[in-house]
Amino acid sequence: MGFWTLMEGLLLFANALAILNEDRFLAPKGWTLAELHQTGKRNSLKGQIIGLIHACHYMRLPLMLFNLIVIVVKLFSG
């Protein structure tokens, strides 16, 4: 497994987190940012994962650009 393959895998993981709908999938399980602020457990594992999900939501435009770059590179390199 090379570095490029690892970066593609991380990009796919970030895409998966970015498309999660908070109202549909996260709220019924109690994984919202609002609930995290109410409980005050920001340093727990659950709090870190919720923060990562919201960071991926915030970085959607750069994710789109990285996806475009990967697609173009894959088109030319095979």
PDB file of N, CA and C in Angstrom:
ATOM      1  N   MET A   1       0.852  -1.175   0.000  1.00  0.00           N
ATOM      2  CA  MET A   1       0.000   0.000   0.000  1.00  0.00           C
ATOM      3  C   MET A   1       0.893   1.231   0.000  1.00  0.00           C
ATOM      4  N   GLY A   2       0.701   2.064  -0.977  1.00  0.00           N
ATOM      5  CA  GLY A   2       1.514   3.258  -1.101  1.00  0.00           C
ATOM      6  C   GLY A   2       0.886   4.461  -0.435  1.00  0.00           C
ATOM      7  N   PHE A   3       1.622   5.535  -0.471  1.00  0.00           N
ATOM      8  CA  PHE A   3       1.159   6.785   0.128  1.00  0.00           C
ATOM      9  C   PHE A   3      -0.076   7.315  -0.601  1.00  0.00           C
ATOM     10  N   TRP A   4      -0.081   7.218  -1.943  1.00  0.00           N
ATOM     11  CA  TRP A   4      -1.210   7.706  -2.728  1.00  0.00           C
ATOM     12  C   TRP A   4      -2.482   6.937  -2.372  1.00  0.00           C
ATOM     13  N   THR A   5      -2.379   5.637  -2.204  1.00  0.00           N
ATOM     14  CA  THR A   5      -3.537   4.816  -1.846  1.00  0.00           C
ATOM     15  C   THR A   5      -4.055   5.182  -0.457  1.00  0.00           C
ATOM     16  N   LEU A   6      -3.146   5.457   0.459  1.00  0.00           N
ATOM     17  CA  LEU A   6      -3.541   5.883   1.798  1.00  0.00           C
ATOM     18  C   LEU A   6      -4.275   7.219   1.749  1.00  0.00           C
ATOM     19  N   MET A   7      -3.786   8.153   0.946  1.00  0.00           N
ATOM     20  CA  MET A   7      -4.443   9.458   0.814  1.00  0.00           C
ATOM     21  C   MET A   7      -5.824   9.318   0.179  1.00  0.00           C
ATOM     22  N   GLU A   8      -5.963   8.431  -0.802  1.00  0.00           N
ATOM     23  CA  GLU A   8      -7.279   8.189  -1.393  1.00  0.00           C
ATOM     24  C   GLU A   8      -8.247   7.608  -0.370  1.00  0.00           C
ATOM     25  N   GLY A   9      -7.766   6.708   0.450  1.00  0.00           N
ATOM     26  CA  GLY A   9      -8.605   6.123   1.488  1.00  0.00           C
ATOM     27  C   GLY A   9      -9.062   7.158   2.500  1.00  0.00           C
ATOM     28  N   LEU A  10      -8.168   8.044   2.903  1.00  0.00           N
ATOM     29  CA  LEU A  10      -8.541   9.109   3.835  1.00  0.00           C
ATOM     30  C   LEU A  10      -9.530  10.080   3.202  1.00  0.00           C
ATOM     31  N   LEU A  11      -9.355  10.343   1.907  1.00  0.00           N
ATOM     32  CA  LEU A  11     -10.295  11.209   1.203  1.00  0.00           C
ATOM     33  C   LEU A  11     -11.681  10.571   1.146  1.00  0.00           C
ATOM     34  N   LEU A  12     -11.745   9.282   0.879  1.00  0.00           N
ATOM     35  CA  LEU A  12     -13.030   8.587   0.862  1.00  0.00           C
ATOM     36  C   LEU A  12     -13.687   8.596   2.242  1.00  0.00           C
ATOM     37  N   PHE A  13     -12.884   8.437   3.290  1.00  0.00           N
ATOM     38  CA  PHE A  13     -13.413   8.485   4.661  1.00  0.00           C
ATOM     39  C   PHE A  13     -13.954   9.883   4.980  1.00  0.00           C
ATOM     40  N   ALA A  14     -13.228  10.922   4.575  1.00  0.00           N
ATOM     41  CA  ALA A  14     -13.693  12.296   4.804  1.00  0.00           C
ATOM     42  C   ALA A  14     -14.976  12.561   4.029  1.00  0.00           C
ATOM     43  N   ASN A  15     -15.083  12.015   2.812  1.00  0.00           N
ATOM     44  CA  ASN A  15     -16.324  12.159   2.039  1.00  0.00           C
ATOM     45  C   ASN A  15     -17.485  11.485   2.753  1.00  0.00           C
ATOM     46  N   ALA A  16     -17.235  10.321   3.310  1.00  0.00           N
ATOM     47  CA  ALA A  16     -18.291   9.601   4.018  1.00  0.00           C
ATOM     48  C   ALA A  16     -18.781  10.397   5.225  1.00  0.00           C
ATOM     49  N   LEU A  17     -17.876  11.031   5.944  1.00  0.00           N
ATOM     50  CA  LEU A  17     -18.284  11.836   7.096  1.00  0.00           C
ATOM     51  C   LEU A  17     -18.989  13.119   6.665  1.00  0.00           C
ATOM     52  N   ALA A  18     -18.580  13.675   5.532  1.00  0.00           N
ATOM     53  CA  ALA A  18     -19.144  14.952   5.079  1.00  0.00           C
ATOM     54  C   ALA A  18     -20.591  14.812   4.617  1.00  0.00           C
ATOM     55  N   ILE A  19     -20.991  13.632   4.158  1.00  0.00           N
ATOM     56  CA  ILE A  19     -22.350  13.493   3.643  1.00  0.00           C
ATOM     57  C   ILE A  19     -23.348  13.024   4.696  1.00  0.00           C
ATOM     58  N   LEU A  20     -22.888  12.772   5.911  1.00  0.00           N
ATOM     59  CA  LEU A  20     -23.822  12.362   6.967  1.00  0.00           C
ATOM     60  C   LEU A  20     -24.777  13.510   7.291  1.00  0.00           C
ATOM     61  N   ASN A  21     -26.062  13.217   7.276  1.00  0.00           N
ATOM     62  CA  ASN A  21     -27.080  14.210   7.593  1.00  0.00           C
ATOM     63  C   ASN A  21     -27.298  14.206   9.098  1.00  0.00           C
ATOM     64  N   GLU A  22     -27.124  15.360   9.706  1.00  0.00           N
ATOM     65  CA  GLU A  22     -27.225  15.445  11.164  1.00  0.00           C
ATOM     66  C   GLU A  22     -28.636  15.137  11.660  1.00  0.00           C
ATOM     67  N   ASP A  23     -29.649  15.662  10.976  1.00  0.00           N
ATOM     68  CA  ASP A  23     -31.029  15.461  11.430  1.00  0.00           C
ATOM     69  C   ASP A  23     -31.480  14.019  11.260  1.00  0.00           C
ATOM     70  N   ARG A  24     -31.024  13.384  10.204  1.00  0.00           N
ATOM     71  CA  ARG A  24     -31.508  12.049   9.888  1.00  0.00           C
ATOM     72  C   ARG A  24     -30.763  10.932  10.588  1.00  0.00           C
ATOM     73  N   PHE A  25     -29.451  11.022  10.636  1.00  0.00           N
ATOM     74  CA  PHE A  25     -28.657   9.913  11.139  1.00  0.00           C
ATOM     75  C   PHE A  25     -28.032  10.163  12.515  1.00  0.00           C
ATOM     76  N   LEU A  26     -27.611  11.379  12.772  1.00  0.00           N
ATOM     77  CA  LEU A  26     -26.866  11.636  14.002  1.00  0.00           C
ATOM     78  C   LEU A  26     -27.757  12.008  15.181  1.00  0.00           C
ATOM     79  N   ALA A  27     -28.799  12.785  14.946  1.00  0.00           N
ATOM     80  CA  ALA A  27     -29.662  13.241  16.041  1.00  0.00           C
ATOM     81  C   ALA A  27     -30.378  12.101  16.760  1.00  0.00           C
ATOM     82  N   PRO A  28     -30.929  11.094  16.060  1.00  0.00           N
ATOM     83  CA  PRO A  28     -31.588  10.009  16.799  1.00  0.00           C
ATOM     84  C   PRO A  28     -30.643   9.233  17.718  1.00  0.00           C
ATOM     85  N   LYS A  29     -29.361   9.251  17.428  1.00  0.00           N
ATOM     86  CA  LYS A  29     -28.394   8.541  18.255  1.00  0.00           C
ATOM     87  C   LYS A  29     -27.739   9.444  19.301  1.00  0.00           C
ATOM     88  N   GLY A  30     -28.077  10.736  19.274  1.00  0.00           N
ATOM     89  CA  GLY A  30     -27.522  11.675  20.239  1.00  0.00           C
ATOM     90  C   GLY A  30     -26.127  12.145  19.890  1.00  0.00           C
ATOM     91  N   TRP A  31     -25.789  12.179  18.596  1.00  0.00           N
ATOM     92  CA  TRP A  31     -24.451  12.561  18.159  1.00  0.00           C
ATOM     93  C   TRP A  31     -24.453  13.944  17.518  1.00  0.00           C
ATOM     94  N   THR A  32     -25.123  14.909  18.139  1.00  0.00           N
ATOM     95  CA  THR A  32     -25.166  16.264  17.594  1.00  0.00           C
ATOM     96  C   THR A  32     -24.235  17.171  18.384  1.00  0.00           C
ATOM     97  N   LEU A  33     -23.864  18.258  17.746  1.00  0.00           N
ATOM     98  CA  LEU A  33     -22.986  19.224  18.394  1.00  0.00           C
ATOM     99  C   LEU A  33     -23.707  19.939  19.534  1.00  0.00           C
ATOM    100  N   ALA A  34     -25.019  20.158  19.374  1.00  0.00           N
ATOM    101  CA  ALA A  34     -25.803  20.816  20.425  1.00  0.00           C
ATOM    102  C   ALA A  34     -25.846  19.959  21.689  1.00  0.00           C
ATOM    103  N   GLU A  35     -26.022  18.658  21.518  1.00  0.00           N
ATOM    104  CA  GLU A  35     -26.047  17.773  22.688  1.00  0.00           C
ATOM    105  C   GLU A  35     -24.679  17.698  23.350  1.00  0.00           C
ATOM    106  N   LEU A  36     -23.647  17.780  22.541  1.00  0.00           N
ATOM    107  CA  LEU A  36     -22.288  17.758  23.080  1.00  0.00           C
ATOM    108  C   LEU A  36     -22.034  18.980  23.960  1.00  0.00           C
ATOM    109  N   HIS A  37     -22.539  20.136  23.532  1.00  0.00           N
ATOM    110  CA  HIS A  37     -22.362  21.349  24.330  1.00  0.00           C
ATOM    111  C   HIS A  37     -23.192  21.293  25.621  1.00  0.00           C
ATOM    112  N   GLN A  38     -24.330  20.613  25.590  1.00  0.00           N
ATOM    113  CA  GLN A  38     -25.158  20.494  26.788  1.00  0.00           C
ATOM    114  C   GLN A  38     -24.491  19.613  27.839  1.00  0.00           C
ATOM    115  N   THR A  39     -23.907  18.500  27.389  1.00  0.00           N
ATOM    116  CA  THR A  39     -23.290  17.582  28.346  1.00  0.00           C
ATOM    117  C   THR A  39     -21.905  18.042  28.774  1.00  0.00           C
ATOM    118  N   GLY A  40     -21.226  18.790  27.905  1.00  0.00           N
ATOM    119  CA  GLY A  40     -19.911  19.306  28.251  1.00  0.00           C
ATOM    120  C   GLY A  40     -18.790  18.292  28.162  1.00  0.00           C
ATOM    121  N   LYS A  41     -19.004  17.200  27.457  1.00  0.00           N
ATOM    122  CA  LYS A  41     -17.972  16.158  27.335  1.00  0.00           C
ATOM    123  C   LYS A  41     -17.239  16.288  26.002  1.00  0.00           C
ATOM    124  N   ARG A  42     -16.562  17.409  25.809  1.00  0.00           N
ATOM    125  CA  ARG A  42     -15.883  17.654  24.536  1.00  0.00           C
ATOM    126  C   ARG A  42     -14.609  16.853  24.379  1.00  0.00           C
ATOM    127  N   ASN A  43     -13.985  16.457  25.451  1.00  0.00           N
ATOM    128  CA  ASN A  43     -12.713  15.743  25.364  1.00  0.00           C
ATOM    129  C   ASN A  43     -12.876  14.232  25.333  1.00  0.00           C
ATOM    130  N   SER A  44     -14.091  13.754  25.400  1.00  0.00           N
ATOM    131  CA  SER A  44     -14.305  12.308  25.338  1.00  0.00           C
ATOM    132  C   SER A  44     -14.145  11.835  23.895  1.00  0.00           C
ATOM    133  N   LEU A  45     -14.096  10.525  23.709  1.00  0.00           N
ATOM    134  CA  LEU A  45     -13.973   9.966  22.366  1.00  0.00           C
ATOM    135  C   LEU A  45     -15.173  10.353  21.511  1.00  0.00           C
ATOM    136  N   LYS A  46     -16.367  10.288  22.094  1.00  0.00           N
ATOM    137  CA  LYS A  46     -17.576  10.670  21.372  1.00  0.00           C
ATOM    138  C   LYS A  46     -17.510  12.145  20.965  1.00  0.00           C
ATOM    139  N   GLY A  47     -17.037  12.992  21.845  1.00  0.00           N
ATOM    140  CA  GLY A  47     -16.904  14.413  21.531  1.00  0.00           C
ATOM    141  C   GLY A  47     -15.904  14.670  20.422  1.00  0.00           C
ATOM    142  N   GLN A  48     -14.812  13.918  20.422  1.00  0.00           N
ATOM    143  CA  GLN A  48     -13.812  14.072  19.365  1.00  0.00           C
ATOM    144  C   GLN A  48     -14.359  13.620  18.017  1.00  0.00           C
ATOM    145  N   ILE A  49     -15.127  12.545  18.000  1.00  0.00           N
ATOM    146  CA  ILE A  49     -15.709  12.045  16.751  1.00  0.00           C
ATOM    147  C   ILE A  49     -16.746  13.033  16.216  1.00  0.00           C
ATOM    148  N   ILE A  50     -17.562  13.590  17.108  1.00  0.00           N
ATOM    149  CA  ILE A  50     -18.546  14.592  16.692  1.00  0.00           C
ATOM    150  C   ILE A  50     -17.834  15.817  16.126  1.00  0.00           C
ATOM    151  N   GLY A  51     -16.755  16.223  16.745  1.00  0.00           N
ATOM    152  CA  GLY A  51     -15.971  17.344  16.228  1.00  0.00           C
ATOM    153  C   GLY A  51     -15.382  17.051  14.856  1.00  0.00           C
ATOM    154  N   LEU A  52     -14.922  15.822  14.641  1.00  0.00           N
ATOM    155  CA  LEU A  52     -14.388  15.429  13.335  1.00  0.00           C
ATOM    156  C   LEU A  52     -15.475  15.459  12.263  1.00  0.00           C
ATOM    157  N   ILE A  53     -16.670  14.990  12.608  1.00  0.00           N
ATOM    158  CA  ILE A  53     -17.784  15.006  11.656  1.00  0.00           C
ATOM    159  C   ILE A  53     -18.131  16.437  11.273  1.00  0.00           C
ATOM    160  N   HIS A  54     -18.180  17.327  12.244  1.00  0.00           N
ATOM    161  CA  HIS A  54     -18.515  18.720  11.948  1.00  0.00           C
ATOM    162  C   HIS A  54     -17.396  19.426  11.204  1.00  0.00           C
ATOM    163  N   ALA A  55     -16.162  19.044  11.432  1.00  0.00           N
ATOM    164  CA  ALA A  55     -15.053  19.608  10.663  1.00  0.00           C
ATOM    165  C   ALA A  55     -15.157  19.190   9.201  1.00  0.00           C
ATOM    166  N   CYS A  56     -15.549  17.950   8.953  1.00  0.00           N
ATOM    167  CA  CYS A  56     -15.733  17.482   7.572  1.00  0.00           C
ATOM    168  C   CYS A  56     -16.906  18.205   6.913  1.00  0.00           C
ATOM    169  N   HIS A  57     -17.961  18.497   7.670  1.00  0.00           N
ATOM    170  CA  HIS A  57     -19.080  19.266   7.116  1.00  0.00           C
ATOM    171  C   HIS A  57     -18.617  20.668   6.739  1.00  0.00           C
ATOM    172  N   TYR A  58     -17.787  21.248   7.556  1.00  0.00           N
ATOM    173  CA  TYR A  58     -17.299  22.606   7.330  1.00  0.00           C
ATOM    174  C   TYR A  58     -16.362  22.670   6.122  1.00  0.00           C
ATOM    175  N   MET A  59     -15.621  21.607   5.877  1.00  0.00           N
ATOM    176  CA  MET A  59     -14.609  21.597   4.810  1.00  0.00           C
ATOM    177  C   MET A  59     -15.133  20.947   3.523  1.00  0.00           C
ATOM    178  N   ARG A  60     -16.392  21.107   3.207  1.00  0.00           N
ATOM    179  CA  ARG A  60     -16.946  20.470   2.014  1.00  0.00           C
ATOM    180  C   ARG A  60     -16.357  21.015   0.725  1.00  0.00           C
ATOM    181  N   LEU A  61     -16.145  22.320   0.618  1.00  0.00           N
ATOM    182  CA  LEU A  61     -15.587  22.888  -0.612  1.00  0.00           C
ATOM    183  C   LEU A  61     -14.171  22.384  -0.878  1.00  0.00           C
ATOM    184  N   PRO A  62     -13.263  22.396   0.100  1.00  0.00           N
ATOM    185  CA  PRO A  62     -11.946  21.804  -0.164  1.00  0.00           C
ATOM    186  C   PRO A  62     -12.013  20.314  -0.493  1.00  0.00           C
ATOM    187  N   LEU A  63     -12.963  19.595   0.112  1.00  0.00           N
ATOM    188  CA  LEU A  63     -13.134  18.182  -0.228  1.00  0.00           C
ATOM    189  C   LEU A  63     -13.534  18.011  -1.691  1.00  0.00           C
ATOM    190  N   MET A  64     -14.399  18.876  -2.177  1.00  0.00           N
ATOM    191  CA  MET A  64     -14.781  18.810  -3.580  1.00  0.00           C
ATOM    192  C   MET A  64     -13.579  19.056  -4.486  1.00  0.00           C
ATOM    193  N   LEU A  65     -12.742  20.016  -4.118  1.00  0.00           N
ATOM    194  CA  LEU A  65     -11.551  20.295  -4.917  1.00  0.00           C
ATOM    195  C   LEU A  65     -10.577  19.124  -4.887  1.00  0.00           C
ATOM    196  N   PHE A  66     -10.378  18.514  -3.730  1.00  0.00           N
ATOM    197  CA  PHE A  66      -9.492  17.344  -3.637  1.00  0.00           C
ATOM    198  C   PHE A  66     -10.049  16.175  -4.448  1.00  0.00           C
ATOM    199  N   ASN A  67     -11.361  15.999  -4.414  1.00  0.00           N
ATOM    200  CA  ASN A  67     -11.985  14.948  -5.224  1.00  0.00           C
ATOM    201  C   ASN A  67     -11.745  15.195  -6.712  1.00  0.00           C
ATOM    202  N   LEU A  68     -11.884  16.440  -7.126  1.00  0.00           N
ATOM    203  CA  LEU A  68     -11.646  16.782  -8.528  1.00  0.00           C
ATOM    204  C   LEU A  68     -10.200  16.505  -8.927  1.00  0.00           C
ATOM    205  N   ILE A  69      -9.270  16.849  -8.062  1.00  0.00           N
ATOM    206  CA  ILE A  69      -7.848  16.589  -8.341  1.00  0.00           C
ATOM    207  C   ILE A  69      -7.585  15.097  -8.457  1.00  0.00           C
ATOM    208  N   VAL A  70      -8.151  14.315  -7.563  1.00  0.00           N
ATOM    209  CA  VAL A  70      -7.948  12.870  -7.603  1.00  0.00           C
ATOM    210  C   VAL A  70      -8.559  12.278  -8.864  1.00  0.00           C
ATOM    211  N   ILE A  71      -9.718  12.755  -9.252  1.00  0.00           N
ATOM    212  CA  ILE A  71     -10.361  12.249 -10.463  1.00  0.00           C
ATOM    213  C   ILE A  71      -9.513  12.554 -11.693  1.00  0.00           C
ATOM    214  N   VAL A  72      -8.986  13.767 -11.783  1.00  0.00           N
ATOM    215  CA  VAL A  72      -8.160  14.151 -12.929  1.00  0.00           C
ATOM    216  C   VAL A  72      -6.884  13.338 -12.959  1.00  0.00           C
ATOM    217  N   VAL A  73      -6.241  13.154 -11.809  1.00  0.00           N
ATOM    218  CA  VAL A  73      -5.017  12.354 -11.756  1.00  0.00           C
ATOM    219  C   VAL A  73      -5.301  10.917 -12.152  1.00  0.00           C
ATOM    220  N   LYS A  74      -6.401  10.356 -11.687  1.00  0.00           N
ATOM    221  CA  LYS A  74      -6.764   8.989 -12.030  1.00  0.00           C
ATOM    222  C   LYS A  74      -7.075   8.860 -13.531  1.00  0.00           C
ATOM    223  N   LEU A  75      -7.693   9.891 -14.121  1.00  0.00           N
ATOM    224  CA  LEU A  75      -7.977   9.849 -15.543  1.00  0.00           C
ATOM    225  C   LEU A  75      -6.693   9.801 -16.378  1.00  0.00           C
ATOM    226  N   PHE A  76      -5.695  10.569 -15.975  1.00  0.00           N
ATOM    227  CA  PHE A  76      -4.465  10.640 -16.756  1.00  0.00           C
ATOM    228  C   PHE A  76      -3.480   9.524 -16.430  1.00  0.00           C
ATOM    229  N   SER A  77      -3.500   9.032 -15.199  1.00  0.00           N
ATOM    230  CA  SER A  77      -2.517   7.990 -14.840  1.00  0.00           C
ATOM    231  C   SER A  77      -3.046   6.570 -15.023  1.00  0.00           C
ATOM    232  N   GLY A  78      -4.346   6.444 -15.061  1.00  0.00           N
ATOM    233  CA  GLY A  78      -4.907   5.119 -15.316  1.00  0.00           C
ATOM    234  C   GLY A  78      -5.306   4.418 -14.123  1.00  0.00           C
TER     235      GLY A  78
END
